[in-house]
Protein backbone atom coordinates (compact mmCIF):
# COMPACT_ATOMS: atom_id res chain seq x y z
CA MET A 1 40.16 66.41 113.01
CA ARG A 2 37.93 63.49 113.88
CA ASN A 3 36.01 65.67 116.34
CA ASN A 4 35.38 68.27 113.62
CA GLU A 5 34.17 65.58 111.25
CA PHE A 6 31.94 64.17 113.98
CA LEU A 7 30.45 67.62 114.62
CA LYS A 8 29.78 68.10 110.91
CA GLN A 9 28.01 64.76 110.68
CA GLY A 10 26.07 65.51 113.85
CA GLY A 11 25.08 68.91 112.47
CA LYS A 12 23.74 67.32 109.31
CA GLY A 13 21.70 64.87 111.36
CA MET A 14 20.30 67.65 113.54
CA LYS A 15 19.29 69.68 110.49
CA LYS A 16 17.42 66.68 109.12
CA ILE A 17 15.67 66.17 112.46
CA LEU A 18 14.71 69.85 112.71
CA PHE A 19 13.45 69.93 109.14
CA THR A 20 11.44 66.72 109.57
CA LEU A 21 9.94 67.97 112.85
CA ALA A 22 8.95 71.27 111.29
CA VAL A 23 7.31 69.60 108.29
CA VAL A 24 5.39 67.22 110.55
CA MET A 25 4.16 70.13 112.70
CA VAL A 26 3.04 72.23 109.73
CA LEU A 27 1.32 69.27 108.07
CA SER A 28 -0.44 68.39 111.31
CA LEU A 29 -1.74 71.96 111.55
CA ALA A 30 -3.05 71.75 108.01
CA SER A 31 -5.10 68.68 108.88
CA SER A 32 -7.80 68.39 111.53
CA PRO A 33 -6.17 68.61 114.98
CA ALA A 34 -5.94 65.59 117.26
CA HIS A 35 -6.09 66.11 120.99
CA ALA A 36 -4.44 64.08 123.73
CA TYR A 37 -7.11 64.52 126.37
CA LEU A 38 -6.13 66.02 129.72
CA ASN A 39 -5.94 63.46 132.50
CA GLY A 40 -6.52 63.76 136.23
CA TRP A 41 -8.15 67.20 136.30
CA ASN A 42 -10.47 68.62 138.97
CA LEU A 43 -13.89 70.28 138.80
CA ASN A 44 -14.30 72.28 142.01
CA LEU A 45 -17.99 73.04 142.50
CA SER A 46 -17.42 74.33 146.05
CA VAL A 47 -16.20 77.67 144.62
CA VAL A 48 -19.86 78.32 143.76
CA ASP A 49 -21.43 76.87 146.89
CA GLY A 50 -19.62 75.29 149.84
CA SER A 51 -22.28 72.57 150.07
CA TYR A 52 -21.41 71.23 146.61
CA GLY A 53 -18.88 68.44 146.21
CA ASP A 54 -15.65 68.62 144.20
CA LEU A 55 -14.80 66.16 141.44
CA THR A 56 -11.15 65.10 141.68
CA ASN A 57 -8.84 63.08 139.43
CA VAL A 58 -11.37 63.32 136.59
CA ASP A 59 -10.75 61.55 133.30
CA ARG A 60 -14.01 62.63 131.64
CA LEU A 61 -17.54 63.72 132.44
CA TYR A 62 -20.52 61.84 131.05
CA GLY A 63 -23.58 63.74 129.88
CA ALA A 64 -27.05 62.56 128.92
CA GLY A 65 -30.08 64.55 127.78
CA THR A 66 -32.11 65.80 124.85
CA ALA A 67 -31.78 68.03 121.79
CA THR A 68 -34.00 69.57 119.12
CA VAL A 69 -32.85 69.97 115.51
CA ASN A 70 -34.63 72.00 112.81
CA GLN A 71 -33.44 70.92 109.36
CA SER A 72 -34.34 72.98 106.28
CA PHE A 73 -34.78 71.45 102.80
CA GLY A 74 -33.94 74.75 101.09
CA ALA A 75 -35.65 76.52 98.18
CA ASP A 76 -35.96 73.35 96.07
CA GLY A 77 -37.76 71.47 98.85
CA ILE A 78 -35.33 68.55 98.55
CA PHE A 79 -32.87 67.59 101.25
CA ASN A 80 -29.41 67.89 99.69
CA ASP A 81 -25.90 69.26 100.21
CA GLY A 82 -25.76 72.76 101.69
CA ASP A 83 -29.18 72.71 103.38
CA TYR A 84 -28.81 74.35 106.79
CA PHE A 85 -29.95 73.28 110.25
CA GLU A 86 -30.43 74.80 113.70
CA GLU A 87 -29.85 72.91 116.94
CA ASN A 88 -31.63 74.26 120.01
CA ASP A 89 -32.39 73.46 123.64
CA VAL A 90 -29.61 70.91 124.06
CA VAL A 91 -29.42 69.82 127.70
CA LEU A 92 -26.80 67.28 128.77
CA GLY A 93 -27.03 66.55 132.46
CA ILE A 94 -23.83 65.55 134.32
CA ALA A 95 -24.72 62.99 136.98
CA THR A 96 -21.77 60.64 136.51
CA TYR A 97 -18.11 60.84 135.55
CA PHE A 98 -15.05 58.67 135.09
CA LYS A 99 -11.91 58.99 137.18
CA GLU A 100 -8.42 58.62 135.76
CA GLY A 101 -7.72 54.90 135.47
CA ASN A 102 -11.21 54.36 133.95
CA ALA A 103 -12.89 54.04 137.36
CA PHE A 104 -16.61 54.84 137.06
CA ALA A 105 -17.79 57.36 139.65
CA THR A 106 -21.33 58.37 140.62
CA GLY A 107 -22.96 60.79 143.01
CA VAL A 108 -21.91 64.21 141.74
CA ASN A 109 -22.87 66.25 144.80
CA THR A 110 -24.93 69.28 143.79
CA GLY A 111 -27.59 68.96 146.46
CA SER A 112 -31.01 69.27 144.83
CA ASN A 113 -29.54 71.17 141.86
CA TYR A 114 -28.49 70.04 138.39
CA LEU A 115 -25.07 70.22 136.75
CA TYR A 116 -25.41 70.30 132.96
CA PHE A 117 -24.22 71.60 129.61
CA TYR A 118 -26.72 73.78 127.77
CA ALA A 119 -26.49 74.68 124.07
CA ASP A 120 -28.81 76.78 121.92
CA GLY A 121 -28.74 78.47 118.51
CA LEU A 122 -26.07 76.22 116.99
CA THR A 123 -26.16 76.24 113.18
CA GLY A 124 -24.57 74.36 110.31
CA SER A 125 -25.26 72.58 107.05
CA ALA A 126 -25.50 69.10 105.61
CA TYR A 127 -23.16 67.53 103.07
CA ASN A 128 -22.58 64.10 101.49
CA VAL A 129 -26.34 63.64 101.46
CA THR A 130 -27.39 60.23 100.11
CA PRO A 131 -30.45 58.00 100.58
CA GLY A 132 -28.42 56.11 103.19
CA GLY A 133 -27.36 59.04 105.35
CA PHE A 134 -25.51 62.35 105.47
CA ASN A 135 -22.78 64.31 107.23
CA TYR A 136 -23.15 67.73 108.84
CA GLY A 137 -20.81 70.48 109.95
CA PHE A 138 -21.34 73.22 112.55
CA ASN A 139 -20.58 76.90 112.03
CA PRO A 140 -17.78 78.00 114.42
CA GLY A 141 -18.61 80.84 116.80
CA ILE A 142 -22.40 80.60 116.33
CA GLY A 143 -24.75 79.85 119.22
CA THR A 144 -24.48 79.50 122.98
CA ILE A 145 -22.85 76.72 124.96
CA GLN A 146 -22.62 76.93 128.76
CA LEU A 147 -21.72 74.79 131.75
CA VAL A 148 -24.44 75.53 134.31
CA ILE A 149 -25.47 74.52 137.81
CA GLY A 150 -28.99 75.36 138.97
CA PRO A 151 -32.36 74.24 140.37
CA ASP A 152 -33.63 73.17 136.92
CA THR A 153 -32.42 72.97 133.32
CA ASP A 154 -33.28 76.58 132.50
CA PRO A 155 -29.90 78.39 132.34
CA ASN A 156 -31.62 81.67 133.29
CA ASN A 157 -32.26 80.21 136.74
CA GLY A 158 -28.77 78.83 137.32
CA VAL A 159 -25.14 79.84 137.79
CA VAL A 160 -22.97 79.76 134.66
CA LEU A 161 -19.61 78.14 135.42
CA ALA A 162 -18.16 78.51 131.92
CA ASP A 163 -18.99 79.80 128.47
CA LEU A 164 -17.84 77.84 125.44
CA ALA A 165 -17.34 79.04 121.87
CA LEU A 166 -17.68 76.46 119.12
CA VAL A 167 -14.60 75.99 116.92
CA ALA A 168 -13.64 73.66 114.07
CA PRO A 169 -13.62 70.75 113.73
CA SER A 170 -17.22 70.32 114.93
CA ALA A 171 -19.30 67.92 112.87
CA GLY A 172 -21.28 64.72 112.84
CA THR A 173 -22.99 62.05 110.80
CA SER A 174 -26.38 60.35 110.60
CA ASP A 175 -26.69 56.62 110.27
CA PRO A 176 -28.84 56.21 108.31
CA TYR A 177 -30.91 59.10 106.85
CA LEU A 178 -33.22 60.61 109.47
CA GLY A 179 -36.41 59.71 107.67
CA GLY A 180 -38.23 57.80 110.40
CA ALA A 181 -38.26 57.01 114.09
CA ASN A 182 -35.39 55.37 115.97
CA GLN A 183 -32.59 56.39 113.61
CA ASN A 184 -29.24 57.34 115.07
CA GLY A 185 -26.05 59.28 114.53
CA THR A 186 -23.05 60.84 116.24
CA THR A 187 -21.94 64.40 116.96
CA ASN A 188 -18.45 65.69 117.81
CA LEU A 189 -18.12 69.25 119.11
CA THR A 190 -14.96 71.20 119.97
CA ALA A 191 -15.30 74.44 121.95
CA VAL A 192 -13.01 76.91 123.72
CA PHE A 193 -13.64 77.35 127.46
CA THR A 194 -13.94 80.74 129.11
CA ASN A 195 -14.21 79.99 132.81
CA ILE A 196 -16.23 82.40 134.93
CA TYR A 197 -14.84 81.23 138.28
CA TYR A 198 -11.22 80.90 139.33
CA ASN A 199 -10.16 77.55 140.82
CA ASN A 200 -13.23 75.92 139.31
CA LEU A 201 -11.62 73.77 136.65
CA ILE A 202 -7.93 73.02 137.17
CA THR A 203 -5.34 70.49 136.05
CA TRP A 204 -3.80 67.87 138.33
CA ASN A 205 -0.80 70.17 138.91
CA GLY A 206 -2.86 73.27 139.74
CA LEU A 207 -3.08 75.06 136.38
CA ASP A 208 -6.32 77.06 136.35
CA PHE A 209 -8.42 77.10 133.18
CA ALA A 210 -9.42 80.68 134.07
CA ASN A 211 -5.79 81.83 134.27
CA LEU A 212 -3.80 80.08 131.54
CA PRO A 213 -0.33 81.09 130.32
CA ALA A 214 -0.26 83.43 127.34
CA ASN A 215 -1.02 81.82 123.97
CA TYR A 216 -2.69 78.75 125.47
CA ILE A 217 -6.38 77.87 125.22
CA SER A 218 -8.64 75.39 127.00
CA LEU A 219 -10.91 73.12 125.00
CA GLY A 220 -14.03 71.11 125.70
CA LEU A 221 -14.46 68.03 123.50
CA LEU A 222 -17.94 66.50 123.36
CA ASN A 223 -18.77 63.22 121.62
CA THR A 224 -22.40 62.09 121.67
CA SER A 225 -24.49 59.29 120.27
CA ASN A 226 -27.91 60.54 119.18
CA LEU A 227 -31.12 58.52 118.96
CA LEU A 228 -34.02 60.10 117.08
CA THR A 229 -37.22 59.99 119.19
CA GLY A 230 -39.57 62.03 117.00
CA ILE A 231 -39.86 63.96 113.75
CA GLN A 232 -42.36 66.60 112.60
CA PRO A 233 -42.73 68.82 109.50
CA TRP A 234 -41.12 72.27 109.84
CA GLN A 235 -40.83 75.51 107.89
CA ASP A 236 -37.84 77.84 108.26
CA SER A 237 -37.98 81.65 108.31
CA ASN A 238 -38.00 81.73 104.49
CA GLY A 239 -40.98 79.40 104.32
CA TYR A 240 -38.89 76.47 103.10
CA ALA A 241 -39.98 72.99 104.15
CA GLY A 242 -37.99 70.73 106.44
CA TYR A 243 -38.39 68.76 109.65
CA THR A 244 -38.02 69.18 113.40
CA ALA A 245 -36.30 66.21 115.03
CA SER A 246 -36.09 65.49 118.73
CA ALA A 247 -33.30 63.23 119.95
CA ASN A 248 -31.83 61.65 123.03
CA SER A 249 -28.08 62.30 123.27
CA ASP A 250 -25.40 60.94 125.56
CA GLY A 251 -21.63 60.69 125.61
CA PRO A 252 -18.31 61.75 127.17
CA ILE A 253 -17.01 65.30 127.65
CA ASN A 254 -13.22 65.60 127.73
CA VAL A 255 -11.08 68.70 128.32
CA ASP A 256 -7.68 69.73 127.05
CA ILE A 257 -5.19 72.63 127.17
CA VAL A 258 -3.27 73.29 123.96
CA PRO A 259 -1.17 76.03 122.36
CA GLU A 260 -3.12 78.34 120.08
CA PRO A 261 -2.78 77.28 116.40
CA ALA A 262 -1.00 80.55 115.55
CA THR A 263 1.62 79.84 118.22
CA MET A 264 2.26 76.35 116.88
CA LEU A 265 2.50 77.67 113.33
CA LEU A 266 5.10 80.25 114.39
CA LEU A 267 7.05 77.56 116.21
CA GLY A 268 6.99 75.31 113.16
CA SER A 269 8.06 78.18 110.90
CA GLY A 270 10.91 79.02 113.28
CA ILE A 271 12.22 75.46 113.16
CA LEU A 272 11.98 75.49 109.38
CA GLY A 273 13.94 78.76 109.41
CA LEU A 274 16.68 77.24 111.58
CA ALA A 275 16.96 74.28 109.25
CA GLY A 276 17.00 76.64 106.25
CA VAL A 277 19.86 78.67 107.73
CA GLY A 278 21.88 75.49 108.07
CA PHE A 279 21.26 74.54 104.44
CA LYS A 280 22.27 78.00 103.24
CA LYS A 281 25.52 77.82 105.17
CA LYS A 282 26.24 74.44 103.63
CA LYS A 283 25.55 75.79 100.13
CA ARG A 284 27.86 78.78 100.68
CA ALA A 285 30.61 76.54 101.96
């Protein structure tokens, strides 16, 4: 009798746990996702050329380079919410990286070649525009992002290691309004990896980014600080006024492997369903 009562009480507790877990999962999916960055992964450059070195036990890469942004002021000629921008010729060279345990590492061995991220044709729009600054969001799936190794920073002359497709959330902020020289801001990009080479980017336990289990995706997470180095008047394809800004950008690139959002949503719904079945049985009883 006591055992039955104990099981009933335990069942009630389990239902509460399942229900709470499901609610937390669904709510977390409704908000912007947070990523626990992958630790101790490897970037094997020798799969492209045996003379290149491999990066082992990587915590994060560190990129530094330049970018060009064309910002439109729209039909009214005034910079305000909804005005679109284009970001082109972004080159972030990878010459240094951090090992797991926060150990700074240098000397990425690519011979006389460059290892870099290249982005072009990214688009988005501004919002929360005020005299003191503004935010901006990128359009998912628009533009080109590639991880490249080659003799220069022209991706047409190099070997593409991975293609990346921009996904949400990808956004940034200026601080303050880009109205003069030496202003700054930050950009955060999230993109899905499609690796070209097998055994190029792998986890510490041998999981290959180019051969992931079903319903899992690999992500690149880029966070840069941007310093404006120049600004010039610009007209977009509609003849609307705006400006062209050149900037120096640098920051860490992390990677992660996560379940696809649809998979997580199904899992959360399934747990909710299990909890619901328990409540129905209780009601019938």
